[in-house]
C-alpha atoms as a PDB file:
ATOM      1  CA  UNK A   1       0.000   0.000   0.000  1.00  0.00           C
ATOM      2  CA  UNK A   2       1.393   3.369  -0.913  1.00  0.00           C
ATOM      3  CA  UNK A   3       1.182   6.315   1.419  1.00  0.00           C
ATOM      4  CA  UNK A   4       0.599   9.882   0.327  1.00  0.00           C
ATOM      5  CA  UNK A   5       3.609  12.155   0.134  1.00  0.00           C
ATOM      6  CA  UNK A   6       4.080  14.801   2.782  1.00  0.00           C
ATOM      7  CA  UNK A   7       1.596  17.671   2.357  1.00  0.00           C
ATOM      8  CA  UNK A   8      -0.966  15.471   0.616  1.00  0.00           C
ATOM      9  CA  UNK A   9      -4.096  14.039   2.149  1.00  0.00           C
ATOM     10  CA  UNK A  10      -4.306  10.964  -0.046  1.00  0.00           C
ATOM     11  CA  UNK A  11      -7.605  11.845  -1.721  1.00  0.00           C
ATOM     12  CA  UNK A  12      -7.720  12.775  -5.375  1.00  0.00           C
ATOM     13  CA  UNK A  13      -8.380  16.478  -5.817  1.00  0.00           C
ATOM     14  CA  UNK A  14      -7.603  17.328  -2.223  1.00  0.00           C
ATOM     15  CA  UNK A  15      -4.843  19.048  -0.306  1.00  0.00           C
ATOM     16  CA  UNK A  16      -3.442  18.509   3.155  1.00  0.00           C
ATOM     17  CA  UNK A  17      -6.064  20.883   4.581  1.00  0.00           C
ATOM     18  CA  UNK A  18      -9.036  19.173   2.954  1.00  0.00           C
ATOM     19  CA  UNK A  19     -10.742  19.046  -0.416  1.00  0.00           C
ATOM     20  CA  UNK A  20     -10.182  21.860  -2.834  1.00  0.00           C
ATOM     21  CA  UNK A  21     -13.140  24.208  -2.936  1.00  0.00           C
ATOM     22  CA  UNK A  22     -15.252  24.174  -6.072  1.00  0.00           C
ATOM     23  CA  UNK A  23     -16.102  27.313  -7.943  1.00  0.00           C
ATOM     24  CA  UNK A  24     -19.728  28.407  -7.995  1.00  0.00           C
ATOM     25  CA  UNK A  25     -19.993  27.431 -11.653  1.00  0.00           C
ATOM     26  CA  UNK A  26     -18.644  23.944 -10.932  1.00  0.00           C
ATOM     27  CA  UNK A  27     -21.150  23.514  -8.102  1.00  0.00           C
ATOM     28  CA  UNK A  28     -23.978  24.674 -10.370  1.00  0.00           C
ATOM     29  CA  UNK A  29     -23.027  22.209 -13.084  1.00  0.00           C
ATOM     30  CA  UNK A  30     -22.815  19.389 -10.537  1.00  0.00           C
ATOM     31  CA  UNK A  31     -26.297  20.265  -9.252  1.00  0.00           C
ATOM     32  CA  UNK A  32     -27.766  20.180 -12.753  1.00  0.00           C
ATOM     33  CA  UNK A  33     -26.051  17.028 -14.014  1.00  0.00           C
ATOM     34  CA  UNK A  34     -28.227  14.405 -12.293  1.00  0.00           C
ATOM     35  CA  UNK A  35     -31.596  16.107 -12.985  1.00  0.00           C
ATOM     36  CA  UNK A  36     -30.679  16.714 -16.638  1.00  0.00           C
ATOM     37  CA  UNK A  37     -29.586  13.118 -17.166  1.00  0.00           C
ATOM     38  CA  UNK A  38     -32.663  11.800 -15.333  1.00  0.00           C
ATOM     39  CA  UNK A  39     -35.068  13.939 -17.353  1.00  0.00           C
ATOM     40  CA  UNK A  40     -33.326  13.083 -20.621  1.00  0.00           C
ATOM     41  CA  UNK A  41     -33.669   9.359 -19.914  1.00  0.00           C
ATOM     42  CA  UNK A  42     -37.287   9.780 -18.817  1.00  0.00           C
ATOM     43  CA  UNK A  43     -38.086  11.873 -21.889  1.00  0.00           C
ATOM     44  CA  UNK A  44     -36.511   9.325 -24.215  1.00  0.00           C
ATOM     45  CA  UNK A  45     -38.457   6.464 -22.617  1.00  0.00           C
ATOM     46  CA  UNK A  46     -41.757   8.373 -22.752  1.00  0.00           C
ATOM     47  CA  UNK A  47     -41.100   9.501 -26.350  1.00  0.00           C
ATOM     48  CA  UNK A  48     -40.406   5.909 -27.426  1.00  0.00           C
ATOM     49  CA  UNK A  49     -43.558   4.674 -25.688  1.00  0.00           C
ATOM     50  CA  UNK A  50     -45.537   7.531 -27.238  1.00  0.00           C
ATOM     51  CA  UNK A  51     -44.148   6.561 -30.648  1.00  0.00           C
ATOM     52  CA  UNK A  52     -45.141   2.927 -30.135  1.00  0.00           C
ATOM     53  CA  UNK A  53     -48.679   3.817 -29.025  1.00  0.00           C
ATOM     54  CA  UNK A  54     -49.272   7.069 -30.927  1.00  0.00           C
ATOM     55  CA  UNK A  55     -47.009   7.025 -33.950  1.00  0.00           C
ATOM     56  CA  UNK A  56     -44.986   9.991 -35.131  1.00  0.00           C
ATOM     57  CA  UNK A  57     -47.330  12.464 -33.425  1.00  0.00           C
ATOM     58  CA  UNK A  58     -46.553  10.807 -30.088  1.00  0.00           C
ATOM     59  CA  UNK A  59     -42.824  10.952 -30.736  1.00  0.00           C
ATOM     60  CA  UNK A  60     -42.990  14.655 -31.579  1.00  0.00           C
ATOM     61  CA  UNK A  61     -45.047  15.318 -28.438  1.00  0.00           C
ATOM     62  CA  UNK A  62     -42.557  13.419 -26.273  1.00  0.00           C
ATOM     63  CA  UNK A  63     -39.571  15.293 -27.657  1.00  0.00           C
ATOM     64  CA  UNK A  64     -41.254  18.710 -27.380  1.00  0.00           C
ATOM     65  CA  UNK A  65     -42.435  17.970 -23.837  1.00  0.00           C
ATOM     66  CA  UNK A  66     -38.948  16.922 -22.764  1.00  0.00           C
ATOM     67  CA  UNK A  67     -37.368  20.039 -24.283  1.00  0.00           C
ATOM     68  CA  UNK A  68     -39.972  22.262 -22.598  1.00  0.00           C
ATOM     69  CA  UNK A  69     -39.328  20.726 -19.164  1.00  0.00           C
ATOM     70  CA  UNK A  70     -35.537  20.903 -19.522  1.00  0.00           C
ATOM     71  CA  UNK A  71     -35.772  24.508 -20.681  1.00  0.00           C
ATOM     72  CA  UNK A  72     -38.147  25.680 -17.970  1.00  0.00           C
ATOM     73  CA  UNK A  73     -36.594  23.783 -15.084  1.00  0.00           C
ATOM     74  CA  UNK A  74     -33.014  24.456 -16.167  1.00  0.00           C
ATOM     75  CA  UNK A  75     -33.810  28.153 -16.565  1.00  0.00           C
ATOM     76  CA  UNK A  76     -35.553  28.190 -13.211  1.00  0.00           C
ATOM     77  CA  UNK A  77     -32.547  26.623 -11.529  1.00  0.00           C
ATOM     78  CA  UNK A  78     -30.327  29.253 -13.158  1.00  0.00           C
ATOM     79  CA  UNK A  79     -32.516  32.036 -11.743  1.00  0.00           C
ATOM     80  CA  UNK A  80     -32.510  30.492  -8.269  1.00  0.00           C
ATOM     81  CA  UNK A  81     -28.716  30.073  -8.207  1.00  0.00           C
ATOM     82  CA  UNK A  82     -28.198  33.682  -9.360  1.00  0.00           C
ATOM     83  CA  UNK A  83     -30.493  34.953  -6.591  1.00  0.00           C
ATOM     84  CA  UNK A  84     -28.770  32.669  -4.073  1.00  0.00           C
ATOM     85  CA  UNK A  85     -25.389  34.217  -4.927  1.00  0.00           C
ATOM     86  CA  UNK A  86     -26.635  37.801  -4.830  1.00  0.00           C
ATOM     87  CA  UNK A  87     -29.195  37.711  -2.025  1.00  0.00           C
ATOM     88  CA  UNK A  88     -29.302  34.449  -0.039  1.00  0.00           C
ATOM     89  CA  UNK A  89     -31.971  35.807   2.313  1.00  0.00           C
ATOM     90  CA  UNK A  90     -34.684  35.587  -0.365  1.00  0.00           C
ATOM     91  CA  UNK A  91     -33.474  32.408  -2.078  1.00  0.00           C
ATOM     92  CA  UNK A  92     -36.197  30.167  -0.631  1.00  0.00           C
ATOM     93  CA  UNK A  93     -38.945  32.626  -1.579  1.00  0.00           C
ATOM     94  CA  UNK A  94     -37.495  32.856  -5.078  1.00  0.00           C
ATOM     95  CA  UNK A  95     -37.259  29.079  -5.413  1.00  0.00           C
ATOM     96  CA  UNK A  96     -40.893  28.674  -4.387  1.00  0.00           C
ATOM     97  CA  UNK A  97     -42.054  31.437  -6.740  1.00  0.00           C
ATOM     98  CA  UNK A  98     -40.071  29.999  -9.650  1.00  0.00           C
ATOM     99  CA  UNK A  99     -41.500  26.523  -9.036  1.00  0.00           C
ATOM    100  CA  UNK A 100     -45.093  27.794  -8.850  1.00  0.00           C
ATOM    101  CA  UNK A 101     -44.633  29.826 -12.055  1.00  0.00           C
ATOM    102  CA  UNK A 102     -43.097  26.795 -13.794  1.00  0.00           C
ATOM    103  CA  UNK A 103     -46.029  24.605 -12.818  1.00  0.00           C
ATOM    104  CA  UNK A 104     -48.556  27.258 -13.873  1.00  0.00           C
ATOM    105  CA  UNK A 105     -46.900  27.746 -17.272  1.00  0.00           C
ATOM    106  CA  UNK A 106     -46.659  23.996 -17.871  1.00  0.00           C
ATOM    107  CA  UNK A 107     -50.308  23.548 -16.909  1.00  0.00           C
ATOM    108  CA  UNK A 108     -51.173  26.456 -19.197  1.00  0.00           C
ATOM    109  CA  UNK A 109     -49.278  24.831 -22.067  1.00  0.00           C
ATOM    110  CA  UNK A 110     -51.175  21.598 -21.545  1.00  0.00           C
ATOM    111  CA  UNK A 111     -54.500  23.479 -21.587  1.00  0.00           C
ATOM    112  CA  UNK A 112     -53.639  25.609 -24.627  1.00  0.00           C
ATOM    113  CA  UNK A 113     -52.320  22.675 -26.640  1.00  0.00           C
ATOM    114  CA  UNK A 114     -54.970  20.112 -25.667  1.00  0.00           C
ATOM    115  CA  UNK A 115     -56.615  20.371 -29.086  1.00  0.00           C
ATOM    116  CA  UNK A 116     -53.399  20.539 -31.123  1.00  0.00           C
ATOM    117  CA  UNK A 117     -53.325  18.474 -34.290  1.00  0.00           C
ATOM    118  CA  UNK A 118     -49.593  18.536 -35.041  1.00  0.00           C
ATOM    119  CA  UNK A 119     -48.785  16.202 -32.127  1.00  0.00           C
ATOM    120  CA  UNK A 120     -50.466  13.945 -29.593  1.00  0.00           C
ATOM    121  CA  UNK A 121     -51.655  16.190 -26.715  1.00  0.00           C
ATOM    122  CA  UNK A 122     -52.008  13.284 -24.275  1.00  0.00           C
ATOM    123  CA  UNK A 123     -48.411  12.214 -24.877  1.00  0.00           C
ATOM    124  CA  UNK A 124     -47.320  15.838 -24.476  1.00  0.00           C
ATOM    125  CA  UNK A 125     -49.126  16.139 -21.135  1.00  0.00           C
ATOM    126  CA  UNK A 126     -47.773  12.805 -19.919  1.00  0.00           C
ATOM    127  CA  UNK A 127     -44.246  13.804 -20.901  1.00  0.00           C
ATOM    128  CA  UNK A 128     -44.469  17.153 -19.124  1.00  0.00           C
ATOM    129  CA  UNK A 129     -45.920  15.662 -15.945  1.00  0.00           C
ATOM    130  CA  UNK A 130     -43.494  12.715 -15.915  1.00  0.00           C
ATOM    131  CA  UNK A 131     -40.401  14.791 -16.654  1.00  0.00           C
ATOM    132  CA  UNK A 132     -41.379  17.495 -14.142  1.00  0.00           C
ATOM    133  CA  UNK A 133     -41.858  14.840 -11.474  1.00  0.00           C
ATOM    134  CA  UNK A 134     -38.513  13.201 -12.284  1.00  0.00           C
ATOM    135  CA  UNK A 135     -36.723  16.597 -12.313  1.00  0.00           C
ATOM    136  CA  UNK A 136     -38.142  17.463  -8.893  1.00  0.00           C
ATOM    137  CA  UNK A 137     -37.204  14.114  -7.342  1.00  0.00           C
ATOM    138  CA  UNK A 138     -33.725  14.169  -8.916  1.00  0.00           C
ATOM    139  CA  UNK A 139     -33.127  17.719  -7.688  1.00  0.00           C
ATOM    140  CA  UNK A 140     -34.200  16.825  -4.146  1.00  0.00           C
ATOM    141  CA  UNK A 141     -31.894  13.793  -4.138  1.00  0.00           C
ATOM    142  CA  UNK A 142     -29.015  15.825  -5.582  1.00  0.00           C
ATOM    143  CA  UNK A 143     -29.463  18.636  -3.061  1.00  0.00           C
ATOM    144  CA  UNK A 144     -29.557  16.228  -0.119  1.00  0.00           C
ATOM    145  CA  UNK A 145     -26.374  14.496  -1.261  1.00  0.00           C
ATOM    146  CA  UNK A 146     -24.440  17.620  -2.218  1.00  0.00           C
ATOM    147  CA  UNK A 147     -23.020  20.038   0.277  1.00  0.00           C
ATOM    148  CA  UNK A 148     -22.828  23.429  -1.358  1.00  0.00           C
ATOM    149  CA  UNK A 149     -21.443  26.368   0.568  1.00  0.00           C
ATOM    150  CA  UNK A 150     -23.825  29.254   0.415  1.00  0.00           C
ATOM    151  CA  UNK A 151     -21.351  31.535   2.188  1.00  0.00           C
ATOM    152  CA  UNK A 152     -17.899  31.950   0.697  1.00  0.00           C
ATOM    153  CA  UNK A 153     -15.192  31.019   3.239  1.00  0.00           C
ATOM    154  CA  UNK A 154     -13.266  34.089   4.369  1.00  0.00           C
ATOM    155  CA  UNK A 155     -15.978  36.539   3.329  1.00  0.00           C
ATOM    156  CA  UNK A 156     -17.264  37.392   6.797  1.00  0.00           C
ATOM    157  CA  UNK A 157     -17.349  40.829   8.395  1.00  0.00           C
ATOM    158  CA  UNK A 158     -13.980  42.533   8.472  1.00  0.00           C
ATOM    159  CA  UNK A 159     -12.362  40.001   6.130  1.00  0.00           C
ATOM    160  CA  UNK A 160     -11.378  40.693   2.575  1.00  0.00           C
ATOM    161  CA  UNK A 161     -11.283  37.840   0.099  1.00  0.00           C
END
């Protein structure tokens, strides 16, 4: 068994004082990776099932629904992380507002497009509901497993970074 050299902790990507801190952008990309992958897989599965049961119209609905969910939820997460960096005190209020607006817009899309003829509206609704559910669960799991600093170390009162 080899031992780490002096000044090393033995863990990849770490120093003697602990793991190297991640930049805010790296933390954001780590938070989005699991939900994006989960929604992409869910969207592909639903689109394939919609194609099997509804033909090309079902496939188009599945793809459009997946893109809509990724766009809305990814954009919402971007807004929440920007607010969290600039004003952490209102981050929870912002997250709740963004989520409610996302759900309202998605519900509105389902209502507006329920009589669409260029795709299968039922497959579209199923894709949106399924992908939104998977995104929410994946984000909760990712947030519980990831420890993200919401205060920069060394940025307290009287300290200059």
